[in-house]
Amino acid sequence: MQVTQTSKGGLGINVQAEHAVAITAGTTVYEPSLVYVGVTGNVTVTTVGGETGVVFTGVVAGTVLPVLVTAVTAATATGLVLLT
């Protein structure tokens, strides 16, 4: 997976993934990955850095979370897709 930042403030992140797979809350990831959110809601993750219980609140539909994750532990958002 290739991730590039295209603007100064961290906005405009481009993702070029080789694989995409639909997931649900409770999914453990075996390769650090980004998560696409298809339907607005909250997403709780474990980051590749080891932080647990990190909650992204009110994630808007069509968003790619800007953090590499190793697990999606909970979600009210749906339409989650793992990008690797």
Protein backbone atom coordinates (compact mmCIF):
# COMPACT_ATOMS: atom_id res chain seq x y z
CA MET A 1 0.00 0.00 0.00
CA GLN A 2 1.24 3.47 -0.83
CA VAL A 3 0.08 6.45 1.23
CA THR A 4 1.09 10.00 0.30
CA GLN A 5 0.25 13.32 1.88
CA THR A 6 -0.47 15.95 -0.73
CA SER A 7 -0.91 19.12 1.29
CA LYS A 8 0.75 20.93 4.16
CA GLY A 9 -1.89 20.48 6.84
CA GLY A 10 -2.32 16.75 6.41
CA LEU A 11 -5.33 17.19 4.16
CA GLY A 12 -5.55 15.49 0.82
CA ILE A 13 -4.14 12.11 1.77
CA ASN A 14 -3.92 9.78 -1.22
CA VAL A 15 -4.15 6.03 -0.76
CA GLN A 16 -3.13 3.47 -3.32
CA ALA A 17 -4.04 0.07 -1.92
CA GLU A 18 -3.36 -3.31 -3.45
CA HIS A 19 -6.18 -5.06 -1.57
CA ALA A 20 -9.61 -4.12 -0.22
CA VAL A 21 -11.91 -6.31 1.86
CA ALA A 22 -15.16 -5.59 3.69
CA ILE A 23 -14.88 -5.93 7.47
CA THR A 24 -17.02 -5.55 10.58
CA ALA A 25 -16.27 -4.42 14.11
CA GLY A 26 -14.21 -6.97 16.02
CA THR A 27 -11.84 -7.59 13.12
CA THR A 28 -8.15 -8.08 13.89
CA VAL A 29 -5.84 -7.01 11.08
CA TYR A 30 -2.72 -9.02 10.31
CA GLU A 31 -1.08 -6.32 8.22
CA PRO A 32 -1.18 -2.62 9.21
CA SER A 33 -4.04 -1.16 7.24
CA LEU A 34 -6.22 1.87 6.65
CA VAL A 35 -10.00 1.75 7.09
CA TYR A 36 -12.54 3.25 4.68
CA VAL A 37 -15.89 4.18 6.27
CA GLY A 38 -18.90 3.82 3.98
CA VAL A 39 -21.70 4.94 6.33
CA THR A 40 -21.31 7.73 8.93
CA GLY A 41 -20.69 6.71 12.56
CA ASN A 42 -18.03 6.03 15.19
CA VAL A 43 -15.06 3.69 14.75
CA THR A 44 -12.84 2.37 17.57
CA VAL A 45 -9.42 1.03 16.60
CA THR A 46 -6.08 -0.23 17.86
CA THR A 47 -3.26 1.61 16.11
CA VAL A 48 -0.09 0.09 14.70
CA GLY A 49 1.73 2.05 17.43
CA GLY A 50 -0.14 0.07 20.08
CA GLU A 51 -2.71 2.62 21.29
CA THR A 52 -5.96 0.82 22.12
CA GLY A 53 -9.52 2.12 22.28
CA VAL A 54 -8.89 5.09 20.00
CA VAL A 55 -12.35 6.38 19.02
CA PHE A 56 -12.97 8.34 15.85
CA THR A 57 -16.32 10.02 16.48
CA GLY A 58 -18.77 11.04 13.76
CA VAL A 59 -16.66 9.79 10.88
CA VAL A 60 -18.35 11.00 7.70
CA ALA A 61 -19.26 8.52 4.97
CA GLY A 62 -16.53 8.26 2.34
CA THR A 63 -13.68 8.90 4.79
CA VAL A 64 -10.41 6.94 4.99
CA LEU A 65 -9.14 7.06 8.58
CA PRO A 66 -5.67 8.65 8.53
CA VAL A 67 -4.01 6.08 10.80
CA LEU A 68 -2.64 2.58 10.31
CA VAL A 69 -4.61 0.10 12.41
CA THR A 70 -4.18 -3.47 13.63
CA ALA A 71 -7.79 -3.93 14.79
CA VAL A 72 -11.24 -2.41 14.49
CA THR A 73 -12.65 -3.16 17.92
CA ALA A 74 -16.05 -1.44 17.71
CA ALA A 75 -18.07 0.63 15.29
CA THR A 76 -21.45 2.28 14.87
CA ALA A 77 -20.31 3.16 11.35
CA THR A 78 -20.92 0.52 8.71
CA GLY A 79 -19.65 -0.21 5.24
CA LEU A 80 -16.11 -0.60 6.59
CA VAL A 81 -13.44 -1.64 4.10
CA LEU A 82 -9.88 -2.60 4.97
CA LEU A 83 -7.26 -1.15 2.61
CA THR A 84 -3.85 -2.82 2.40
